[in-house]
Amino acid sequence: MNILKAIAKFIGWLSGSLAGIGAIFAVCGYLITIANLHLLGLDIRILDYNTEYYLRRGGNFFFYLVSLMGEKILLPLLVIMLIVSVIFLLFYVVITKSSVYKHFVLFWNRILNIKSEYSPVFRALIFIFMVILFIYQLGPRLELFITPLKISNLLYDIDETDTNALKSSIKRSILSGETKELAFRFYEILMSVVMAGLLLFVVWRVTLTWPLRIILVSPFVVIFILYLLFLPMVYGVLILTPEFPPIAVSSKNEMISNQSGPFYLLNKKEEEFIVWDSANKKLIWIPKKEVSVAEIWRSEPLFKKHRKAEGPEKP
């Protein structure tokens, strides 16, 4: 019976964990989709995606983060730790065989005694240093998150005069399909999130016994939460390439058949096709009853290098 109870508890815990993870994926997928559609100038109420769609996008987001962290952070960190461990081992072997070891131990014990004696002073100095980093690093970096989210209406080719150099640069990279440049910007933003998390952790530990701990830590908590909320949205702008399937529609209705195209299928509902006319930069609602034949190909990026004027290439 005890085994059955343990299994039941584990299944209950696993179900709750999976539900929580699924909720996180769905929320992130929703934020990603909102940011991506805002970039294009579309409304999420028009396209009307389901929960599974958001779950899939949220899962892809976390998979991308894990792969990026592993490649850019964890792997170099492991290499550095391995090199430092080897150096420390060699140093330890050499030092222990000489009289320098005794002096080194005495010096280290003195440092520990000074640290224990002046612990409040050390804590105060560390906290001041964290505040300086917060003011001169985390605060200005908030603009890196907000600027990409200001870009919108790319499907309609609205000419906006941007005085913000960063915004103009990101917009050009998106329209020209410079994915490497956009990935680098996202990595810089991800490092800002990591930095905010590290500063929050250090401040939380330093102020462990302070009476005004909640007030002192709250700015670090707020900025970290903001960074976390903005991260999937920035992913939807910088990393999530707008891809839709090209579609060719045959119809007896001349208003539909005379459209120049090429067309991209944004969404297919029960009674209509929602299509983007890339030549005229406009959305078209095509009732299904007006369509004789519709050919749909695999998805391709809307913005890419050297896209041909005559339309999308068929596979």
Protein backbone atom coordinates (compact mmCIF):
# COMPACT_ATOMS: atom_id res chain seq x y z
CA MET A 1 0.00 0.00 0.00
CA ASN A 2 2.85 2.35 0.78
CA ILE A 3 4.29 1.74 -2.66
CA LEU A 4 0.91 2.48 -4.27
CA LYS A 5 0.61 5.70 -2.26
CA ALA A 6 4.11 6.74 -3.27
CA ILE A 7 3.34 6.05 -6.93
CA ALA A 8 0.07 7.98 -6.67
CA LYS A 9 1.87 10.95 -5.08
CA PHE A 10 4.55 10.86 -7.77
CA ILE A 11 1.93 10.76 -10.54
CA GLY A 12 0.09 13.67 -8.92
CA TRP A 13 3.33 15.66 -8.60
CA LEU A 14 4.28 14.85 -12.20
CA SER A 15 0.85 15.87 -13.49
CA GLY A 16 1.03 19.15 -11.60
CA SER A 17 4.55 19.80 -12.85
CA LEU A 18 3.62 19.06 -16.46
CA ALA A 19 0.58 21.32 -16.15
CA GLY A 20 2.76 24.11 -14.76
CA ILE A 21 5.37 23.65 -17.49
CA GLY A 22 2.62 23.61 -20.13
CA ALA A 23 1.19 26.84 -18.72
CA ILE A 24 4.62 28.51 -18.87
CA PHE A 25 5.09 27.31 -22.46
CA ALA A 26 1.64 28.61 -23.44
CA VAL A 27 2.21 32.04 -21.85
CA CYS A 28 5.60 32.40 -23.52
CA GLY A 29 4.14 31.25 -26.84
CA TYR A 30 1.38 33.82 -26.51
CA LEU A 31 3.86 36.64 -25.79
CA ILE A 32 6.04 35.51 -28.71
CA THR A 33 3.07 35.47 -31.07
CA ILE A 34 1.82 38.90 -29.98
CA ALA A 35 5.27 40.45 -30.55
CA ASN A 36 5.72 38.72 -33.91
CA LEU A 37 2.29 39.79 -35.18
CA HIS A 38 2.84 43.36 -33.94
CA LEU A 39 6.08 43.38 -35.92
CA LEU A 40 4.12 42.51 -39.07
CA GLY A 41 1.22 44.84 -38.29
CA LEU A 42 -1.32 42.06 -37.66
CA ASP A 43 -3.88 41.54 -34.91
CA ILE A 44 -3.97 38.27 -32.99
CA ARG A 45 -7.79 38.46 -32.92
CA ILE A 46 -7.88 38.20 -36.70
CA LEU A 47 -5.72 35.08 -36.96
CA ASP A 48 -7.17 33.34 -33.88
CA TYR A 49 -4.57 30.67 -32.97
CA ASN A 50 -5.32 27.76 -30.63
CA THR A 51 -3.59 26.72 -27.38
CA GLU A 52 -1.56 23.98 -29.06
CA TYR A 53 -0.01 26.59 -31.33
CA TYR A 54 1.16 28.63 -28.34
CA LEU A 55 2.48 25.52 -26.57
CA ARG A 56 4.55 24.60 -29.60
CA ARG A 57 5.99 28.08 -29.93
CA GLY A 58 6.79 28.25 -26.22
CA GLY A 59 8.52 24.87 -26.39
CA ASN A 60 10.60 25.98 -29.38
CA PHE A 61 11.56 29.12 -27.46
CA PHE A 62 12.88 27.17 -24.46
CA PHE A 63 14.67 24.69 -26.71
CA TYR A 64 16.40 27.60 -28.45
CA LEU A 65 17.41 29.10 -25.09
CA VAL A 66 18.84 25.80 -23.84
CA SER A 67 20.83 25.23 -27.03
CA LEU A 68 22.11 28.83 -27.04
CA MET A 69 23.08 28.72 -23.36
CA GLY A 70 24.81 25.39 -23.85
CA GLU A 71 26.77 26.58 -26.87
CA LYS A 72 27.66 30.11 -25.80
CA ILE A 73 27.85 29.86 -21.99
CA LEU A 74 27.98 26.37 -20.48
CA LEU A 75 30.50 24.86 -22.90
CA PRO A 76 33.04 27.72 -22.61
CA LEU A 77 32.48 27.74 -18.83
CA LEU A 78 33.25 24.01 -18.61
CA VAL A 79 36.44 24.52 -20.63
CA ILE A 80 37.53 27.39 -18.37
CA MET A 81 36.77 25.34 -15.23
CA LEU A 82 38.78 22.44 -16.61
CA ILE A 83 41.79 24.67 -17.35
CA VAL A 84 41.58 26.33 -13.92
CA SER A 85 41.28 22.94 -12.21
CA VAL A 86 44.40 21.64 -13.97
CA ILE A 87 46.35 24.79 -13.10
CA PHE A 88 45.19 24.63 -9.47
CA LEU A 89 46.13 20.94 -9.23
CA LEU A 90 49.63 21.59 -10.59
CA PHE A 91 49.99 24.57 -8.28
CA TYR A 92 48.87 22.48 -5.29
CA VAL A 93 51.29 19.65 -6.11
CA VAL A 94 54.24 22.07 -6.43
CA ILE A 95 53.35 24.18 -3.39
CA THR A 96 52.77 21.28 -0.99
CA LYS A 97 56.29 20.05 -1.62
CA SER A 98 57.90 23.32 -0.58
CA SER A 99 58.00 25.59 2.46
CA VAL A 100 55.84 28.13 0.60
CA TYR A 101 52.79 26.01 1.44
CA LYS A 102 52.95 26.93 5.13
CA HIS A 103 53.15 30.65 4.36
CA PHE A 104 50.28 30.31 1.90
CA VAL A 105 48.09 28.61 4.54
CA LEU A 106 48.90 31.32 7.10
CA PHE A 107 48.09 34.06 4.55
CA TRP A 108 44.79 32.40 3.67
CA ASN A 109 43.79 32.03 7.32
CA ARG A 110 44.48 35.72 7.89
CA ILE A 111 42.19 36.59 4.97
CA LEU A 112 39.44 34.43 6.45
CA ASN A 113 39.85 36.07 9.85
CA ILE A 114 39.68 39.55 8.32
CA LYS A 115 36.55 38.53 6.39
CA SER A 116 34.80 37.20 9.52
CA GLU A 117 35.80 40.26 11.55
CA TYR A 118 34.73 42.84 8.98
CA SER A 119 31.85 40.90 7.42
CA PRO A 120 29.31 43.79 7.60
CA VAL A 121 31.77 46.10 5.86
CA PHE A 122 32.39 43.57 3.10
CA ARG A 123 28.65 43.08 2.66
CA ALA A 124 28.08 46.83 2.43
CA LEU A 125 30.85 47.23 -0.16
CA ILE A 126 29.47 44.38 -2.25
CA PHE A 127 25.97 45.87 -2.10
CA ILE A 128 27.26 49.30 -3.19
CA PHE A 129 29.09 47.67 -6.08
CA MET A 130 25.88 45.85 -7.11
CA VAL A 131 23.94 49.14 -7.00
CA ILE A 132 26.55 50.77 -9.25
CA LEU A 133 26.23 47.91 -11.73
CA PHE A 134 22.45 48.20 -11.54
CA ILE A 135 22.50 51.92 -12.34
CA TYR A 136 25.12 51.90 -15.08
CA GLN A 137 24.47 48.49 -16.65
CA LEU A 138 20.97 47.07 -16.06
CA GLY A 139 19.09 50.37 -16.31
CA PRO A 140 20.40 51.43 -19.74
CA ARG A 141 20.10 47.87 -21.06
CA LEU A 142 16.32 48.06 -20.75
CA GLU A 143 16.36 49.97 -24.04
CA LEU A 144 17.75 46.85 -25.75
CA PHE A 145 14.51 45.06 -24.86
CA ILE A 146 12.08 47.87 -25.66
CA THR A 147 13.50 49.08 -28.99
CA PRO A 148 12.82 45.90 -31.04
CA LEU A 149 9.22 45.87 -29.76
CA LYS A 150 8.64 49.34 -31.24
CA ILE A 151 9.04 48.05 -34.80
CA SER A 152 5.73 47.27 -36.52
CA ASN A 153 3.69 47.25 -39.75
CA LEU A 154 6.39 45.61 -41.89
CA LEU A 155 3.76 43.94 -44.10
CA TYR A 156 2.41 47.31 -45.14
CA ASP A 157 5.75 48.92 -45.95
CA ILE A 158 4.95 52.07 -43.99
CA ASP A 159 7.83 54.51 -44.34
CA GLU A 160 8.66 55.79 -40.90
CA THR A 161 11.49 58.19 -40.27
CA ASP A 162 13.35 56.70 -37.32
CA THR A 163 15.72 58.85 -35.34
CA ASN A 164 16.62 55.80 -33.23
CA ALA A 165 19.71 54.26 -34.82
CA LEU A 166 19.25 50.93 -33.04
CA LYS A 167 15.65 50.61 -34.22
CA SER A 168 16.60 51.43 -37.81
CA SER A 169 19.44 48.90 -37.73
CA ILE A 170 17.20 46.11 -36.41
CA LYS A 171 14.50 46.91 -38.97
CA ARG A 172 17.02 46.75 -41.83
CA SER A 173 18.35 43.42 -40.55
CA ILE A 174 14.83 41.94 -40.42
CA LEU A 175 13.87 43.14 -43.90
CA SER A 176 17.15 41.95 -45.42
CA GLY A 177 17.11 38.58 -43.63
CA GLU A 178 20.34 39.17 -41.68
CA THR A 179 19.68 36.40 -39.17
CA LYS A 180 23.22 36.34 -37.76
CA GLU A 181 23.04 40.01 -36.80
CA LEU A 182 19.64 39.51 -35.17
CA ALA A 183 20.87 36.39 -33.32
CA PHE A 184 23.81 38.37 -31.94
CA ARG A 185 21.47 41.08 -30.65
CA PHE A 186 19.28 38.46 -28.98
CA TYR A 187 22.35 36.88 -27.35
CA GLU A 188 23.31 40.30 -25.98
CA ILE A 189 19.81 40.63 -24.52
CA LEU A 190 19.98 37.13 -23.04
CA MET A 191 23.23 38.05 -21.32
CA SER A 192 21.43 41.02 -19.79
CA VAL A 193 18.87 38.62 -18.29
CA VAL A 194 21.68 36.44 -16.91
CA MET A 195 23.40 39.50 -15.44
CA ALA A 196 20.15 40.66 -13.83
CA GLY A 197 19.68 37.21 -12.29
CA LEU A 198 23.22 37.12 -10.93
CA LEU A 199 22.94 40.59 -9.41
CA LEU A 200 19.63 39.64 -7.80
CA PHE A 201 21.16 36.48 -6.33
CA VAL A 202 24.18 38.33 -4.91
CA VAL A 203 22.07 41.12 -3.43
CA TRP A 204 19.65 38.60 -1.95
CA ARG A 205 22.52 36.81 -0.21
CA VAL A 206 24.34 39.96 0.91
CA THR A 207 21.25 41.51 2.52
CA LEU A 208 20.22 38.26 4.21
CA THR A 209 20.30 39.71 7.74
CA TRP A 210 19.49 43.36 6.96
CA PRO A 211 16.24 44.84 8.33
CA LEU A 212 15.33 46.71 5.10
CA ARG A 213 16.06 43.74 2.89
CA ILE A 214 12.77 43.75 0.94
CA ILE A 215 13.09 47.43 0.02
CA LEU A 216 16.74 47.12 -0.98
CA VAL A 217 16.19 44.03 -3.12
CA SER A 218 12.92 45.13 -4.78
CA PRO A 219 14.52 47.17 -7.65
CA PHE A 220 16.60 44.13 -8.63
CA VAL A 221 13.49 41.90 -8.49
CA VAL A 222 11.47 44.31 -10.65
CA ILE A 223 14.11 44.66 -13.35
CA PHE A 224 14.68 40.89 -13.44
CA ILE A 225 10.94 40.20 -13.84
CA LEU A 226 10.70 42.82 -16.60
CA TYR A 227 13.63 41.25 -18.42
CA LEU A 228 12.02 37.81 -18.17
CA LEU A 229 8.71 39.09 -19.55
CA PHE A 230 10.36 40.95 -22.41
CA LEU A 231 12.69 38.07 -23.37
CA PRO A 232 10.10 35.89 -25.22
CA MET A 233 8.67 39.00 -26.89
CA VAL A 234 12.10 40.03 -28.15
CA TYR A 235 12.56 36.44 -29.35
CA GLY A 236 9.37 36.86 -31.38
CA VAL A 237 10.88 39.88 -33.12
CA LEU A 238 14.55 39.01 -33.53
CA ILE A 239 14.66 35.21 -33.84
CA LEU A 240 11.24 34.03 -34.97
CA THR A 241 11.41 34.44 -38.74
CA PRO A 242 7.99 35.34 -40.20
CA GLU A 243 7.24 32.31 -42.39
CA PHE A 244 3.99 31.60 -44.23
CA PRO A 245 3.12 29.25 -47.10
CA PRO A 246 2.74 30.71 -50.60
CA ILE A 247 -0.72 30.15 -52.04
CA ALA A 248 -2.15 30.35 -55.55
CA VAL A 249 -5.92 30.77 -55.83
CA SER A 250 -8.11 30.09 -58.85
CA SER A 251 -11.53 31.75 -58.81
CA LYS A 252 -14.32 32.80 -61.16
CA ASN A 253 -14.49 36.07 -59.27
CA GLU A 254 -12.47 38.59 -61.29
CA MET A 255 -11.69 40.69 -58.21
CA ILE A 256 -9.80 37.70 -56.83
CA SER A 257 -8.29 36.29 -60.02
CA ASN A 258 -7.00 39.70 -61.17
CA GLN A 259 -4.92 40.22 -58.03
CA SER A 260 -1.23 40.40 -58.96
CA GLY A 261 0.21 38.54 -55.97
CA PRO A 262 2.28 36.64 -54.99
CA PHE A 263 0.09 35.61 -52.07
CA TYR A 264 0.99 34.19 -48.67
CA LEU A 265 -1.54 32.29 -46.59
CA LEU A 266 -1.62 33.83 -43.11
CA ASN A 267 -4.48 31.72 -41.78
CA LYS A 268 -7.19 29.38 -43.01
CA LYS A 269 -10.55 29.42 -41.27
CA GLU A 270 -13.73 27.47 -41.89
CA GLU A 271 -15.26 30.05 -44.21
CA GLU A 272 -12.34 32.10 -45.51
CA PHE A 273 -8.66 32.41 -46.40
CA ILE A 274 -6.67 35.28 -44.89
CA VAL A 275 -4.00 36.13 -47.47
CA TRP A 276 -1.24 38.71 -47.73
CA ASP A 277 -0.70 40.29 -51.14
CA SER A 278 3.05 40.91 -51.07
CA ALA A 279 3.04 43.03 -54.25
CA ASN A 280 0.39 45.49 -53.11
CA LYS A 281 1.22 45.25 -49.39
CA LYS A 282 -2.30 44.49 -48.21
CA LEU A 283 -4.41 41.80 -46.55
CA ILE A 284 -7.17 40.02 -48.48
CA TRP A 285 -10.11 38.02 -47.11
CA ILE A 286 -11.11 35.39 -49.66
CA PRO A 287 -14.35 33.46 -48.99
CA LYS A 288 -13.94 29.73 -49.54
CA LYS A 289 -17.06 29.61 -51.69
CA GLU A 290 -15.33 31.94 -54.17
CA VAL A 291 -12.31 29.62 -54.55
CA SER A 292 -12.24 26.95 -57.25
CA VAL A 293 -8.70 25.65 -56.61
CA ALA A 294 -6.10 26.63 -54.02
CA GLU A 295 -2.47 25.49 -54.29
CA ILE A 296 -0.47 25.79 -51.07
CA TRP A 297 3.29 25.18 -50.83
CA ARG A 298 5.61 24.80 -47.87
CA SER A 299 6.28 27.84 -45.70
CA GLU A 300 9.06 30.24 -46.55
CA PRO A 301 10.36 33.48 -45.00
CA LEU A 302 8.53 36.63 -45.98
CA PHE A 303 11.72 38.68 -45.74
CA LYS A 304 14.85 37.16 -47.18
CA LYS A 305 17.83 38.10 -49.29
CA HIS A 306 17.40 38.54 -53.03
CA ARG A 307 13.75 37.59 -53.13
CA LYS A 308 12.60 37.48 -56.73
CA ALA A 309 9.98 39.99 -57.86
CA GLU A 310 7.90 37.43 -59.74
CA GLY A 311 6.90 35.60 -56.59
CA PRO A 312 7.89 32.68 -54.40
CA GLU A 313 9.70 29.74 -55.86
CA LYS A 314 7.77 26.53 -55.97
CA PRO A 315 9.47 23.49 -54.42
